[in-house]
Amino acid sequence: METGRAPSHVALNRKDLELLCSRIGEDRMPLGAKTARLMFLTQPSGHPHRRKIWTKGIRDFALVERAGTPPYWAEPPGEFFCGNRYCTKDGDDLALYDVFLAGKDTAKTWFKEVVSESAALLFPDADIPELDLVRELFEFCRLNGLLKWEINEEPDHPETRGQIAWLHDPYGATILFLNAASKRTQKVTIGVGGRPRIDGLNEKLRLDLLERWDKAKTAGTSAKDFCRDERIKTKTLNCWVDWRSRRQRRSRQTPARAK
């Protein structure tokens, strides 16, 4: 195994990412981009008020609160953008998070275009590239301290506990994320057959999904139903099953290093 130069398409993607970052930076102010904001709502899978927030202390409902209306469960400001879930190693739902996009119409529309263009560059082979892009952006913001979480719950009802976090400059965060992605494409590790190695996060996502598939298959769930629930194509599942089989064969064939 060796580290070599990035293939030409990777170099091209890096250039495209740099150009996209430049364009985002130039257009942020004219489009009122700073009015756009993302809200990440994280709730346990069994939450009784899915995709709703308790309005107490939420700035968008301050006028209603001052007018004397008691707190209540309401749809978050903006529009539902996408959702995802976290799972434990045994495949059980741990928590779900939903993303809501708010702001001026022009800012929201352009952010969707930015997400679409960025996803096409970073995840060209994904079933739903935009979903992968938002997932990676979420992880990037979380790991780099760009999100500050706050508890959201109805008092005396612990089953309603959730967390929300605002990203008030999604354009700025996207620029940081794309710049980081651009640097990662400068070198790739080449394995057998010259294929780029899968990064750790995607490898874990694949293995976790395949572990869930093993359990579902044993329980009698069809591949079609499983793929529908996981929002992936049957072809993708079959490819990942083959990928794991090749990975296991290589592991068995690799001689143990001498101590």
Protein backbone atom coordinates (compact mmCIF):
# COMPACT_ATOMS: atom_id res chain seq x y z
CA MET A 1 0.00 0.00 0.00
CA GLU A 2 1.36 3.38 -0.90
CA THR A 3 0.46 7.04 -0.92
CA GLY A 4 0.49 8.58 -4.38
CA ARG A 5 -0.70 11.57 -6.30
CA ALA A 6 -4.37 12.33 -6.39
CA PRO A 7 -6.12 11.15 -9.59
CA SER A 8 -6.99 13.87 -12.10
CA HIS A 9 -10.70 13.88 -11.16
CA VAL A 10 -9.75 14.52 -7.52
CA ALA A 11 -7.57 17.44 -8.54
CA LEU A 12 -10.44 18.74 -10.68
CA ASN A 13 -12.84 18.47 -7.75
CA ARG A 14 -10.39 20.37 -5.57
CA LYS A 15 -10.28 23.20 -8.09
CA ASP A 16 -14.06 23.21 -8.36
CA LEU A 17 -14.35 23.31 -4.56
CA GLU A 18 -12.01 26.29 -4.40
CA LEU A 19 -14.04 28.12 -7.05
CA LEU A 20 -17.30 27.33 -5.26
CA CYS A 21 -15.89 28.64 -1.97
CA SER A 22 -14.83 31.84 -3.70
CA ARG A 23 -18.28 32.34 -5.20
CA ILE A 24 -20.02 31.70 -1.88
CA GLY A 25 -17.83 34.32 -0.22
CA GLU A 26 -18.53 36.89 -2.93
CA ASP A 27 -22.30 36.40 -2.92
CA ARG A 28 -22.93 36.20 0.81
CA MET A 29 -23.68 39.89 1.36
CA PRO A 30 -25.58 40.74 -1.87
CA LEU A 31 -27.96 37.83 -1.30
CA GLY A 32 -28.54 38.59 2.35
CA ALA A 33 -27.07 35.18 3.07
CA LYS A 34 -26.59 35.95 6.74
CA THR A 35 -30.35 35.89 7.24
CA ALA A 36 -30.25 32.15 6.55
CA ARG A 37 -29.87 29.85 9.52
CA LEU A 38 -30.06 26.15 10.21
CA MET A 39 -31.63 24.66 13.29
CA PHE A 40 -30.64 21.15 14.31
CA LEU A 41 -33.25 19.44 16.49
CA THR A 42 -32.12 16.26 18.21
CA GLN A 43 -34.68 14.03 19.92
CA PRO A 44 -34.84 10.42 21.12
CA SER A 45 -36.52 8.10 18.63
CA GLY A 46 -39.54 7.72 20.94
CA HIS A 47 -40.12 11.44 21.51
CA PRO A 48 -43.87 12.19 21.78
CA HIS A 49 -43.59 15.46 19.83
CA ARG A 50 -41.42 14.62 16.83
CA ARG A 51 -40.18 17.64 14.86
CA LYS A 52 -41.72 20.08 17.30
CA ILE A 53 -40.14 22.34 19.92
CA TRP A 54 -41.29 23.68 23.27
CA THR A 55 -41.61 27.43 22.66
CA LYS A 56 -40.47 28.57 26.12
CA GLY A 57 -37.28 30.62 25.73
CA ILE A 58 -37.19 30.38 21.94
CA ARG A 59 -36.50 33.82 20.46
CA ASP A 60 -38.82 33.34 17.50
CA PHE A 61 -41.77 32.95 19.87
CA ALA A 62 -40.84 35.82 22.22
CA LEU A 63 -43.62 38.12 20.99
CA VAL A 64 -46.22 35.40 21.46
CA GLU A 65 -44.89 34.73 24.94
CA ARG A 66 -44.94 38.43 25.89
CA ALA A 67 -48.53 38.65 24.63
CA GLY A 68 -49.51 36.20 27.34
CA THR A 69 -49.72 32.97 25.34
CA PRO A 70 -48.41 30.08 27.46
CA PRO A 71 -45.65 27.87 26.02
CA TYR A 72 -46.75 25.10 23.66
CA TRP A 73 -45.37 22.54 21.21
CA ALA A 74 -44.91 24.18 17.82
CA GLU A 75 -43.33 23.59 14.44
CA PRO A 76 -39.83 25.15 14.38
CA PRO A 77 -39.40 28.38 12.44
CA GLY A 78 -38.51 27.94 8.79
CA GLU A 79 -39.00 24.83 6.70
CA PHE A 80 -38.02 21.22 7.23
CA PHE A 81 -34.81 20.62 5.30
CA CYS A 82 -33.80 17.03 6.00
CA GLY A 83 -33.37 14.51 8.78
CA ASN A 84 -31.08 11.73 9.88
CA ARG A 85 -30.53 9.37 12.76
CA TYR A 86 -27.85 8.06 15.04
CA CYS A 87 -27.77 4.35 15.85
CA THR A 88 -26.14 2.22 18.49
CA LYS A 89 -23.79 -0.55 17.41
CA ASP A 90 -26.59 -3.13 17.71
CA GLY A 91 -28.67 -1.15 15.23
CA ASP A 92 -31.22 0.31 17.65
CA ASP A 93 -32.24 3.93 17.19
CA LEU A 94 -30.37 6.14 19.62
CA ALA A 95 -31.59 9.55 18.50
CA LEU A 96 -32.84 11.41 15.49
CA TYR A 97 -32.00 14.87 14.33
CA ASP A 98 -33.98 17.07 11.99
CA VAL A 99 -32.69 20.13 10.18
CA PHE A 100 -34.80 23.24 9.56
CA LEU A 101 -33.83 26.11 7.26
CA ALA A 102 -35.04 29.65 8.00
CA GLY A 103 -34.35 33.11 6.57
CA LYS A 104 -35.24 35.22 3.55
CA ASP A 105 -36.47 33.32 0.51
CA THR A 106 -33.49 34.37 -1.62
CA ALA A 107 -31.03 33.26 1.07
CA LYS A 108 -32.78 29.91 1.53
CA THR A 109 -33.01 29.26 -2.19
CA TRP A 110 -29.35 29.98 -2.75
CA PHE A 111 -28.30 27.85 0.22
CA LYS A 112 -30.14 24.90 -1.33
CA GLU A 113 -28.21 25.51 -4.53
CA VAL A 114 -24.94 25.63 -2.58
CA VAL A 115 -25.80 22.32 -0.91
CA SER A 116 -26.67 20.76 -4.27
CA GLU A 117 -23.45 21.93 -5.95
CA SER A 118 -21.27 20.96 -3.00
CA ALA A 119 -22.89 17.51 -2.75
CA ALA A 120 -22.36 16.88 -6.46
CA LEU A 121 -18.64 17.56 -6.03
CA LEU A 122 -18.07 15.67 -2.79
CA PHE A 123 -20.49 12.74 -3.09
CA PRO A 124 -21.06 12.13 -6.83
CA ASP A 125 -21.84 8.43 -6.32
CA ALA A 126 -24.17 8.78 -3.33
CA ASP A 127 -27.84 7.84 -3.56
CA ILE A 128 -28.87 11.14 -1.97
CA PRO A 129 -25.81 13.43 -2.22
CA GLU A 130 -27.51 16.37 -0.48
CA LEU A 131 -28.29 14.24 2.57
CA ASP A 132 -24.66 13.11 2.79
CA LEU A 133 -23.53 16.73 2.48
CA VAL A 134 -25.75 17.94 5.33
CA ARG A 135 -24.69 14.97 7.48
CA GLU A 136 -21.01 15.76 6.95
CA LEU A 137 -21.59 19.50 7.48
CA PHE A 138 -23.39 18.71 10.74
CA GLU A 139 -20.50 16.53 11.95
CA PHE A 140 -17.95 19.16 10.92
CA CYS A 141 -19.79 21.91 12.82
CA ARG A 142 -20.31 19.69 15.86
CA LEU A 143 -16.68 18.58 16.08
CA ASN A 144 -15.35 22.10 15.53
CA GLY A 145 -17.50 23.77 18.16
CA LEU A 146 -19.66 25.72 15.70
CA LEU A 147 -22.86 24.47 17.34
CA LYS A 148 -23.93 25.30 20.87
CA TRP A 149 -26.61 23.00 22.15
CA GLU A 150 -29.41 23.96 24.51
CA ILE A 151 -31.96 21.77 26.24
CA ASN A 152 -35.51 21.94 24.94
CA GLU A 153 -38.19 20.25 27.04
CA GLU A 154 -41.55 20.64 28.67
CA PRO A 155 -41.05 21.05 32.46
CA ASP A 156 -41.94 18.01 34.58
CA HIS A 157 -42.07 15.83 31.47
CA PRO A 158 -38.62 14.22 31.11
CA GLU A 159 -39.79 12.16 28.15
CA THR A 160 -39.94 15.34 26.08
CA ARG A 161 -36.28 16.27 26.48
CA GLY A 162 -34.45 17.17 23.31
CA GLN A 163 -31.70 19.51 22.20
CA ILE A 164 -31.55 22.28 19.64
CA ALA A 165 -28.63 24.13 18.10
CA TRP A 166 -28.58 27.09 15.75
CA LEU A 167 -26.10 27.64 12.95
CA HIS A 168 -26.56 31.34 12.23
CA ASP A 169 -24.11 31.55 9.33
CA PRO A 170 -24.48 28.34 7.33
CA TYR A 171 -22.71 29.94 4.35
CA GLY A 172 -19.64 30.72 6.44
CA ALA A 173 -19.68 27.23 7.95
CA THR A 174 -20.02 25.71 4.48
CA ILE A 175 -16.96 27.64 3.29
CA LEU A 176 -14.93 26.29 6.22
CA PHE A 177 -16.23 22.78 5.55
CA LEU A 178 -15.45 22.90 1.82
CA ASN A 179 -11.97 24.30 2.46
CA ALA A 180 -11.30 21.40 4.83
CA ALA A 181 -12.66 18.95 2.24
CA SER A 182 -10.47 20.52 -0.45
CA LYS A 183 -7.34 19.97 1.65
CA ARG A 184 -8.30 16.33 2.20
CA THR A 185 -8.39 15.71 -1.57
CA GLN A 186 -4.77 16.80 -2.08
CA LYS A 187 -3.50 13.29 -1.39
CA VAL A 188 -5.25 9.95 -1.47
CA THR A 189 -4.07 6.56 -0.24
CA ILE A 190 -4.04 3.99 -3.01
CA GLY A 191 -4.81 0.37 -2.24
CA VAL A 192 -5.01 -2.81 -4.30
CA GLY A 193 -6.15 -2.06 -7.85
CA GLY A 194 -5.52 1.65 -7.42
CA ARG A 195 -8.83 2.34 -5.66
CA PRO A 196 -8.99 5.20 -3.13
CA ARG A 197 -9.38 3.97 0.43
CA ILE A 198 -12.68 4.70 2.15
CA ASP A 199 -12.29 7.20 4.97
CA GLY A 200 -12.99 6.13 8.54
CA LEU A 201 -16.38 7.80 8.87
CA ASN A 202 -17.80 6.27 5.67
CA GLU A 203 -16.32 2.90 6.55
CA LYS A 204 -18.07 2.99 9.93
CA LEU A 205 -21.37 4.03 8.32
CA ARG A 206 -21.13 1.12 5.90
CA LEU A 207 -20.28 -1.44 8.57
CA ASP A 208 -23.04 -0.18 10.89
CA LEU A 209 -25.60 -0.41 8.10
CA LEU A 210 -24.43 -3.90 7.13
CA GLU A 211 -24.68 -4.98 10.75
CA ARG A 212 -28.28 -3.76 10.79
CA TRP A 213 -28.88 -5.62 7.53
CA ASP A 214 -27.54 -8.87 9.03
CA LYS A 215 -29.99 -8.57 11.92
CA ALA A 216 -32.89 -7.60 9.65
CA LYS A 217 -32.13 -10.46 7.24
CA THR A 218 -32.05 -12.96 10.12
CA ALA A 219 -35.42 -11.60 11.27
CA GLY A 220 -36.88 -12.24 7.81
CA THR A 221 -36.87 -8.67 6.44
CA SER A 222 -36.51 -8.49 2.66
CA ALA A 223 -33.71 -6.48 1.07
CA LYS A 224 -36.31 -4.29 -0.66
CA ASP A 225 -38.03 -3.37 2.63
CA PHE A 226 -34.73 -2.83 4.41
CA CYS A 227 -33.42 -0.54 1.67
CA ARG A 228 -36.65 1.43 1.65
CA ASP A 229 -36.40 2.02 5.41
CA GLU A 230 -32.71 2.94 5.15
CA ARG A 231 -33.32 5.11 2.07
CA ILE A 232 -30.70 3.40 -0.08
CA LYS A 233 -30.84 1.49 -3.35
CA THR A 234 -30.79 -2.32 -3.38
CA LYS A 235 -27.84 -2.08 -5.77
CA THR A 236 -25.95 -0.05 -3.16
CA LEU A 237 -26.65 -2.66 -0.47
CA ASN A 238 -25.40 -5.45 -2.73
CA CYS A 239 -22.24 -3.47 -3.53
CA TRP A 240 -21.54 -2.90 0.15
CA VAL A 241 -22.12 -6.57 0.97
CA ASP A 242 -19.57 -7.48 -1.74
CA TRP A 243 -17.19 -4.81 -0.40
CA ARG A 244 -17.36 -6.33 3.09
CA SER A 245 -16.81 -9.85 1.71
CA ARG A 246 -13.69 -8.74 -0.20
CA ARG A 247 -12.48 -6.90 2.90
CA GLN A 248 -12.90 -10.02 5.04
CA ARG A 249 -11.14 -12.22 2.46
CA ARG A 250 -8.16 -9.85 2.31
CA SER A 251 -8.03 -9.83 6.10
CA ARG A 252 -7.89 -13.63 6.21
CA GLN A 253 -5.26 -13.80 3.48
CA THR A 254 -2.97 -11.20 5.04
CA PRO A 255 -0.26 -13.08 7.00
CA ALA A 256 0.15 -12.10 10.63
CA ARG A 257 3.17 -9.93 11.33
CA ALA A 258 5.98 -11.55 13.21
CA LYS A 259 6.24 -10.37 16.76
